[in-house]
PDB file of N, CA and C in Angstrom:
ATOM      1  N   MET A   1     -12.609 -12.844 -28.607  1.00  0.00           N
ATOM      2  CA  MET A   1     -11.611 -12.521 -27.599  1.00  0.00           C
ATOM      3  C   MET A   1     -10.630 -13.693 -27.515  1.00  0.00           C
ATOM      4  N   ASP A   2      -9.348 -13.383 -27.688  1.00  0.00           N
ATOM      5  CA  ASP A   2      -8.344 -14.442 -27.627  1.00  0.00           C
ATOM      6  C   ASP A   2      -7.926 -14.698 -26.174  1.00  0.00           C
ATOM      7  N   ALA A   3      -7.136 -15.737 -25.985  1.00  0.00           N
ATOM      8  CA  ALA A   3      -6.747 -16.173 -24.636  1.00  0.00           C
ATOM      9  C   ALA A   3      -5.916 -15.115 -23.913  1.00  0.00           C
ATOM     10  N   LEU A   4      -5.049 -14.424 -24.632  1.00  0.00           N
ATOM     11  CA  LEU A   4      -4.215 -13.407 -24.002  1.00  0.00           C
ATOM     12  C   LEU A   4      -5.055 -12.235 -23.499  1.00  0.00           C
ATOM     13  N   THR A   5      -6.016 -11.803 -24.286  1.00  0.00           N
ATOM     14  CA  THR A   5      -6.899 -10.716 -23.868  1.00  0.00           C
ATOM     15  C   THR A   5      -7.731 -11.125 -22.661  1.00  0.00           C
ATOM     16  N   LEU A   6      -8.212 -12.352 -22.652  1.00  0.00           N
ATOM     17  CA  LEU A   6      -8.979 -12.863 -21.515  1.00  0.00           C
ATOM     18  C   LEU A   6      -8.109 -12.914 -20.259  1.00  0.00           C
ATOM     19  N   PHE A   7      -6.867 -13.350 -20.410  1.00  0.00           N
ATOM     20  CA  PHE A   7      -5.928 -13.382 -19.287  1.00  0.00           C
ATOM     21  C   PHE A   7      -5.724 -11.980 -18.717  1.00  0.00           C
ATOM     22  N   GLY A   8      -5.542 -10.999 -19.585  1.00  0.00           N
ATOM     23  CA  GLY A   8      -5.374  -9.616 -19.137  1.00  0.00           C
ATOM     24  C   GLY A   8      -6.610  -9.089 -18.453  1.00  0.00           C
ATOM     25  N   LEU A   9      -7.777  -9.407 -18.982  1.00  0.00           N
ATOM     26  CA  LEU A   9      -9.029  -8.968 -18.367  1.00  0.00           C
ATOM     27  C   LEU A   9      -9.190  -9.555 -16.973  1.00  0.00           C
ATOM     28  N   VAL A  10      -8.885 -10.823 -16.817  1.00  0.00           N
ATOM     29  CA  VAL A  10      -8.988 -11.477 -15.509  1.00  0.00           C
ATOM     30  C   VAL A  10      -7.969 -10.877 -14.537  1.00  0.00           C
ATOM     31  N   ALA A  11      -6.750 -10.627 -14.996  1.00  0.00           N
ATOM     32  CA  ALA A  11      -5.708 -10.067 -14.133  1.00  0.00           C
ATOM     33  C   ALA A  11      -6.091  -8.680 -13.636  1.00  0.00           C
ATOM     34  N   VAL A  12      -6.535  -7.822 -14.532  1.00  0.00           N
ATOM     35  CA  VAL A  12      -6.884  -6.453 -14.147  1.00  0.00           C
ATOM     36  C   VAL A  12      -8.154  -6.437 -13.287  1.00  0.00           C
ATOM     37  N   SER A  13      -9.108  -7.304 -13.578  1.00  0.00           N
ATOM     38  CA  SER A  13     -10.317  -7.395 -12.751  1.00  0.00           C
ATOM     39  C   SER A  13      -9.971  -7.868 -11.343  1.00  0.00           C
ATOM     40  N   ALA A  14      -9.074  -8.846 -11.243  1.00  0.00           N
ATOM     41  CA  ALA A  14      -8.643  -9.329  -9.928  1.00  0.00           C
ATOM     42  C   ALA A  14      -7.923  -8.226  -9.157  1.00  0.00           C
ATOM     43  N   MET A  15      -7.136  -7.420  -9.866  1.00  0.00           N
ATOM     44  CA  MET A  15      -6.467  -6.291  -9.207  1.00  0.00           C
ATOM     45  C   MET A  15      -7.496  -5.347  -8.601  1.00  0.00           C
ATOM     46  N   LEU A  16      -8.515  -5.023  -9.358  1.00  0.00           N
ATOM     47  CA  LEU A  16      -9.552  -4.101  -8.889  1.00  0.00           C
ATOM     48  C   LEU A  16     -10.279  -4.653  -7.671  1.00  0.00           C
ATOM     49  N   ILE A  17     -10.669  -5.911  -7.725  1.00  0.00           N
ATOM     50  CA  ILE A  17     -11.400  -6.529  -6.619  1.00  0.00           C
ATOM     51  C   ILE A  17     -10.528  -6.617  -5.366  1.00  0.00           C
ATOM     52  N   CYS A  18      -9.307  -7.084  -5.526  1.00  0.00           N
ATOM     53  CA  CYS A  18      -8.414  -7.220  -4.369  1.00  0.00           C
ATOM     54  C   CYS A  18      -8.070  -5.864  -3.764  1.00  0.00           C
ATOM     55  N   TYR A  19      -7.892  -4.854  -4.583  1.00  0.00           N
ATOM     56  CA  TYR A  19      -7.609  -3.513  -4.073  1.00  0.00           C
ATOM     57  C   TYR A  19      -8.798  -2.967  -3.301  1.00  0.00           C
ATOM     58  N   ALA A  20      -9.997  -3.244  -3.784  1.00  0.00           N
ATOM     59  CA  ALA A  20     -11.208  -2.748  -3.118  1.00  0.00           C
ATOM     60  C   ALA A  20     -11.383  -3.364  -1.732  1.00  0.00           C
ATOM     61  N   PHE A  21     -10.966  -4.613  -1.563  1.00  0.00           N
ATOM     62  CA  PHE A  21     -11.141  -5.305  -0.283  1.00  0.00           C
ATOM     63  C   PHE A  21      -9.867  -5.353   0.558  1.00  0.00           C
ATOM     64  N   ASP A  22      -8.857  -4.608   0.167  1.00  0.00           N
ATOM     65  CA  ASP A  22      -7.552  -4.654   0.822  1.00  0.00           C
ATOM     66  C   ASP A  22      -7.606  -4.358   2.320  1.00  0.00           C
ATOM     67  N   ASP A  23      -8.489  -3.488   2.752  1.00  0.00           N
ATOM     68  CA  ASP A  23      -8.581  -3.132   4.173  1.00  0.00           C
ATOM     69  C   ASP A  23      -9.219  -4.221   5.033  1.00  0.00           C
ATOM     70  N   ARG A  24      -9.877  -5.162   4.429  1.00  0.00           N
ATOM     71  CA  ARG A  24     -10.593  -6.196   5.191  1.00  0.00           C
ATOM     72  C   ARG A  24      -9.692  -7.294   5.725  1.00  0.00           C
ATOM     73  N   SER A  25      -8.629  -7.593   5.010  1.00  0.00           N
ATOM     74  CA  SER A  25      -7.731  -8.663   5.426  1.00  0.00           C
ATOM     75  C   SER A  25      -6.403  -8.510   4.692  1.00  0.00           C
ATOM     76  N   PRO A  26      -5.308  -8.856   5.356  1.00  0.00           N
ATOM     77  CA  PRO A  26      -4.014  -8.808   4.656  1.00  0.00           C
ATOM     78  C   PRO A  26      -3.957  -9.745   3.450  1.00  0.00           C
ATOM     79  N   TRP A  27      -4.772 -10.773   3.447  1.00  0.00           N
ATOM     80  CA  TRP A  27      -4.747 -11.736   2.344  1.00  0.00           C
ATOM     81  C   TRP A  27      -5.237 -11.121   1.042  1.00  0.00           C
ATOM     82  N   TRP A  28      -6.100 -10.103   1.128  1.00  0.00           N
ATOM     83  CA  TRP A  28      -6.500  -9.390  -0.083  1.00  0.00           C
ATOM     84  C   TRP A  28      -5.300  -8.653  -0.673  1.00  0.00           C
ATOM     85  N   GLY A  29      -4.395  -8.199   0.206  1.00  0.00           N
ATOM     86  CA  GLY A  29      -3.170  -7.559  -0.257  1.00  0.00           C
ATOM     87  C   GLY A  29      -2.284  -8.533  -1.013  1.00  0.00           C
ATOM     88  N   LEU A  30      -2.217  -9.764  -0.531  1.00  0.00           N
ATOM     89  CA  LEU A  30      -1.460 -10.787  -1.251  1.00  0.00           C
ATOM     90  C   LEU A  30      -2.111 -11.068  -2.603  1.00  0.00           C
ATOM     91  N   GLY A  31      -3.426 -11.130  -2.612  1.00  0.00           N
ATOM     92  CA  GLY A  31      -4.137 -11.319  -3.883  1.00  0.00           C
ATOM     93  C   GLY A  31      -3.858 -10.188  -4.856  1.00  0.00           C
ATOM     94  N   PHE A  32      -3.783  -8.964  -4.333  1.00  0.00           N
ATOM     95  CA  PHE A  32      -3.463  -7.820  -5.170  1.00  0.00           C
ATOM     96  C   PHE A  32      -2.056  -7.953  -5.756  1.00  0.00           C
ATOM     97  N   ALA A  33      -1.112  -8.405  -4.933  1.00  0.00           N
ATOM     98  CA  ALA A  33       0.258  -8.591  -5.416  1.00  0.00           C
ATOM     99  C   ALA A  33       0.307  -9.646  -6.524  1.00  0.00           C
ATOM    100  N   VAL A  34      -0.394 -10.743  -6.343  1.00  0.00           N
ATOM    101  CA  VAL A  34      -0.426 -11.803  -7.361  1.00  0.00           C
ATOM    102  C   VAL A  34      -1.105 -11.297  -8.635  1.00  0.00           C
ATOM    103  N   ALA A  35      -2.181 -10.539  -8.466  1.00  0.00           N
ATOM    104  CA  ALA A  35      -2.878  -9.986  -9.628  1.00  0.00           C
ATOM    105  C   ALA A  35      -1.992  -8.983 -10.371  1.00  0.00           C
ATOM    106  N   CYS A  36      -1.219  -8.190  -9.638  1.00  0.00           N
ATOM    107  CA  CYS A  36      -0.282  -7.259 -10.275  1.00  0.00           C
ATOM    108  C   CYS A  36       0.794  -8.018 -11.048  1.00  0.00           C
ATOM    109  N   ALA A  37       1.284  -9.099 -10.465  1.00  0.00           N
ATOM    110  CA  ALA A  37       2.275  -9.925 -11.161  1.00  0.00           C
ATOM    111  C   ALA A  37       1.672 -10.513 -12.441  1.00  0.00           C
ATOM    112  N   SER A  38       0.423 -10.925 -12.359  1.00  0.00           N
ATOM    113  CA  SER A  38      -0.261 -11.442 -13.554  1.00  0.00           C
ATOM    114  C   SER A  38      -0.424 -10.341 -14.597  1.00  0.00           C
ATOM    115  N   GLY A  39      -0.761  -9.142 -14.139  1.00  0.00           N
ATOM    116  CA  GLY A  39      -0.863  -8.011 -15.060  1.00  0.00           C
ATOM    117  C   GLY A  39       0.472  -7.696 -15.711  1.00  0.00           C
ATOM    118  N   SER A  40       1.540  -7.838 -14.959  1.00  0.00           N
ATOM    119  CA  SER A  40       2.880  -7.625 -15.502  1.00  0.00           C
ATOM    120  C   SER A  40       3.196  -8.650 -16.587  1.00  0.00           C
ATOM    121  N   ILE A  41       2.885  -9.895 -16.312  1.00  0.00           N
ATOM    122  CA  ILE A  41       3.099 -10.951 -17.312  1.00  0.00           C
ATOM    123  C   ILE A  41       2.292 -10.655 -18.569  1.00  0.00           C
ATOM    124  N   TYR A  42       1.055 -10.242 -18.370  1.00  0.00           N
ATOM    125  CA  TYR A  42       0.205  -9.891 -19.511  1.00  0.00           C
ATOM    126  C   TYR A  42       0.828  -8.760 -20.330  1.00  0.00           C
ATOM    127  N   GLY A  43       1.309  -7.729 -19.646  1.00  0.00           N
ATOM    128  CA  GLY A  43       1.913  -6.606 -20.352  1.00  0.00           C
ATOM    129  C   GLY A  43       3.100  -7.023 -21.196  1.00  0.00           C
ATOM    130  N   PHE A  44       3.976  -7.853 -20.629  1.00  0.00           N
ATOM    131  CA  PHE A  44       5.137  -8.309 -21.388  1.00  0.00           C
ATOM    132  C   PHE A  44       4.727  -9.221 -22.551  1.00  0.00           C
ATOM    133  N   LEU A  45       3.755 -10.107 -22.310  1.00  0.00           N
ATOM    134  CA  LEU A  45       3.311 -11.000 -23.387  1.00  0.00           C
ATOM    135  C   LEU A  45       2.642 -10.232 -24.519  1.00  0.00           C
ATOM    136  N   GLN A  46       1.957  -9.162 -24.167  1.00  0.00           N
ATOM    137  CA  GLN A  46       1.266  -8.362 -25.171  1.00  0.00           C
ATOM    138  C   GLN A  46       2.243  -7.490 -25.964  1.00  0.00           C
ATOM    139  N   GLY A  47       3.399  -7.240 -25.380  1.00  0.00           N
ATOM    140  CA  GLY A  47       4.376  -6.396 -26.042  1.00  0.00           C
ATOM    141  C   GLY A  47       4.400  -4.977 -25.513  1.00  0.00           C
ATOM    142  N   ALA A  48       3.621  -4.718 -24.472  1.00  0.00           N
ATOM    143  CA  ALA A  48       3.582  -3.396 -23.851  1.00  0.00           C
ATOM    144  C   ALA A  48       4.508  -3.419 -22.640  1.00  0.00           C
ATOM    145  N   TRP A  49       5.817  -3.408 -22.908  1.00  0.00           N
ATOM    146  CA  TRP A  49       6.785  -3.572 -21.820  1.00  0.00           C
ATOM    147  C   TRP A  49       6.719  -2.475 -20.765  1.00  0.00           C
ATOM    148  N   PRO A  50       6.356  -1.208 -21.075  1.00  0.00           N
ATOM    149  CA  PRO A  50       6.240  -0.227 -19.978  1.00  0.00           C
ATOM    150  C   PRO A  50       5.143  -0.616 -18.982  1.00  0.00           C
ATOM    151  N   PHE A  51       4.026  -1.111 -19.493  1.00  0.00           N
ATOM    152  CA  PHE A  51       2.942  -1.584 -18.634  1.00  0.00           C
ATOM    153  C   PHE A  51       3.417  -2.771 -17.802  1.00  0.00           C
ATOM    154  N   GLY A  52       4.104  -3.693 -18.434  1.00  0.00           N
ATOM    155  CA  GLY A  52       4.626  -4.859 -17.722  1.00  0.00           C
ATOM    156  C   GLY A  52       5.611  -4.476 -16.639  1.00  0.00           C
ATOM    157  N   LEU A  53       6.453  -3.501 -16.922  1.00  0.00           N
ATOM    158  CA  LEU A  53       7.436  -3.039 -15.946  1.00  0.00           C
ATOM    159  C   LEU A  53       6.772  -2.371 -14.750  1.00  0.00           C
ATOM    160  N   VAL A  54       5.831  -1.486 -15.011  1.00  0.00           N
ATOM    161  CA  VAL A  54       5.136  -0.784 -13.922  1.00  0.00           C
ATOM    162  C   VAL A  54       4.320  -1.760 -13.079  1.00  0.00           C
ATOM    163  N   GLU A  55       3.643  -2.683 -13.712  1.00  0.00           N
ATOM    164  CA  GLU A  55       2.876  -3.671 -12.957  1.00  0.00           C
ATOM    165  C   GLU A  55       3.797  -4.571 -12.131  1.00  0.00           C
ATOM    166  N   GLY A  56       4.979  -4.860 -12.642  1.00  0.00           N
ATOM    167  CA  GLY A  56       5.947  -5.635 -11.872  1.00  0.00           C
ATOM    168  C   GLY A  56       6.388  -4.893 -10.621  1.00  0.00           C
ATOM    169  N   ILE A  57       6.599  -3.594 -10.758  1.00  0.00           N
ATOM    170  CA  ILE A  57       6.952  -2.779  -9.593  1.00  0.00           C
ATOM    171  C   ILE A  57       5.806  -2.755  -8.593  1.00  0.00           C
ATOM    172  N   TRP A  58       4.578  -2.603  -9.087  1.00  0.00           N
ATOM    173  CA  TRP A  58       3.411  -2.636  -8.199  1.00  0.00           C
ATOM    174  C   TRP A  58       3.325  -3.971  -7.467  1.00  0.00           C
ATOM    175  N   ALA A  59       3.638  -5.061  -8.155  1.00  0.00           N
ATOM    176  CA  ALA A  59       3.586  -6.382  -7.530  1.00  0.00           C
ATOM    177  C   ALA A  59       4.588  -6.479  -6.384  1.00  0.00           C
ATOM    178  N   ILE A  60       5.791  -5.954  -6.590  1.00  0.00           N
ATOM    179  CA  ILE A  60       6.805  -5.980  -5.529  1.00  0.00           C
ATOM    180  C   ILE A  60       6.371  -5.124  -4.345  1.00  0.00           C
ATOM    181  N   LEU A  61       5.868  -3.922  -4.628  1.00  0.00           N
ATOM    182  CA  LEU A  61       5.413  -3.038  -3.549  1.00  0.00           C
ATOM    183  C   LEU A  61       4.231  -3.640  -2.779  1.00  0.00           C
ATOM    184  N   ALA A  62       3.302  -4.252  -3.499  1.00  0.00           N
ATOM    185  CA  ALA A  62       2.142  -4.857  -2.850  1.00  0.00           C
ATOM    186  C   ALA A  62       2.551  -6.059  -2.002  1.00  0.00           C
ATOM    187  N   ALA A  63       3.499  -6.853  -2.489  1.00  0.00           N
ATOM    188  CA  ALA A  63       3.977  -7.999  -1.706  1.00  0.00           C
ATOM    189  C   ALA A  63       4.691  -7.524  -0.444  1.00  0.00           C
ATOM    190  N   HIS A  64       5.470  -6.472  -0.568  1.00  0.00           N
ATOM    191  CA  HIS A  64       6.154  -5.912   0.609  1.00  0.00           C
ATOM    192  C   HIS A  64       5.144  -5.379   1.614  1.00  0.00           C
ATOM    193  N   ARG A  65       4.131  -4.702   1.125  1.00  0.00           N
ATOM    194  CA  ARG A  65       3.077  -4.173   2.004  1.00  0.00           C
ATOM    195  C   ARG A  65       2.334  -5.309   2.703  1.00  0.00           C
ATOM    196  N   TRP A  66       2.038  -6.380   1.957  1.00  0.00           N
ATOM    197  CA  TRP A  66       1.374  -7.541   2.557  1.00  0.00           C
ATOM    198  C   TRP A  66       2.257  -8.146   3.644  1.00  0.00           C
ATOM    199  N   TRP A  67       3.543  -8.298   3.364  1.00  0.00           N
ATOM    200  CA  TRP A  67       4.475  -8.886   4.329  1.00  0.00           C
ATOM    201  C   TRP A  67       4.510  -8.047   5.613  1.00  0.00           C
ATOM    202  N   ARG A  68       4.539  -6.736   5.457  1.00  0.00           N
ATOM    203  CA  ARG A  68       4.559  -5.839   6.604  1.00  0.00           C
ATOM    204  C   ARG A  68       3.273  -5.948   7.423  1.00  0.00           C
ATOM    205  N   LYS A  69       2.120  -5.955   6.744  1.00  0.00           N
ATOM    206  CA  LYS A  69       0.830  -6.080   7.440  1.00  0.00           C
ATOM    207  C   LYS A  69       0.712  -7.425   8.141  1.00  0.00           C
ATOM    208  N   ARG A  70       1.199  -8.462   7.497  1.00  0.00           N
ATOM    209  CA  ARG A  70       1.101  -9.812   8.044  1.00  0.00           C
ATOM    210  C   ARG A  70       1.910  -9.942   9.328  1.00  0.00           C
ATOM    211  N   ASN A  71       3.046  -9.300   9.399  1.00  0.00           N
ATOM    212  CA  ASN A  71       3.927  -9.421  10.545  1.00  0.00           C
ATOM    213  C   ASN A  71       3.670  -8.371  11.627  1.00  0.00           C
ATOM    214  N   THR A  72       2.782  -7.426  11.371  1.00  0.00           N
ATOM    215  CA  THR A  72       2.514  -6.360  12.342  1.00  0.00           C
ATOM    216  C   THR A  72       1.851  -6.888  13.598  1.00  0.00           C
ATOM    217  N   GLY A  73       0.980  -7.859  13.472  1.00  0.00           N
ATOM    218  CA  GLY A  73       0.212  -8.349  14.614  1.00  0.00           C
ATOM    219  C   GLY A  73       0.974  -9.299  15.526  1.00  0.00           C
ATOM    220  N   ARG A  74       2.129  -9.766  15.123  1.00  0.00           N
ATOM    221  CA  ARG A  74       2.886 -10.735  15.932  1.00  0.00           C
ATOM    222  C   ARG A  74       3.748 -10.019  16.950  1.00  0.00           C
ATOM    223  N   ARG A  75       3.887 -10.631  18.110  1.00  0.00           N
ATOM    224  CA  ARG A  75       4.744 -10.063  19.146  1.00  0.00           C
ATOM    225  C   ARG A  75       5.860 -11.027  19.478  1.00  0.00           C
ATOM    226  N   GLY A  76       7.011 -10.477  19.811  1.00  0.00           N
ATOM    227  CA  GLY A  76       8.119 -11.295  20.269  1.00  0.00           C
ATOM    228  C   GLY A  76       8.991 -11.849  19.165  1.00  0.00           C
ATOM    229  N   PHE A  77       8.708 -11.514  17.915  1.00  0.00           N
ATOM    230  CA  PHE A  77       9.526 -12.038  16.818  1.00  0.00           C
ATOM    231  C   PHE A  77      10.092 -10.904  15.999  1.00  0.00           C
TER     232      PHE A  77
END
């Protein structure tokens, strides 16, 4: 297994774990966004640009969702 394949395996595994625990804390949502960004990087490095593009979109959506969840509990701001 080369370094790029290992990087992709870690990125996709982190996505799965963070998605599974997303309801427990908003920070898991941030982890999911970072893992999606890593998956996007992996896709582009591997040469699978459609995968990289879709994962990049998922990363943006997950970061936006995390931002919304993080700010939901605050009052007065």
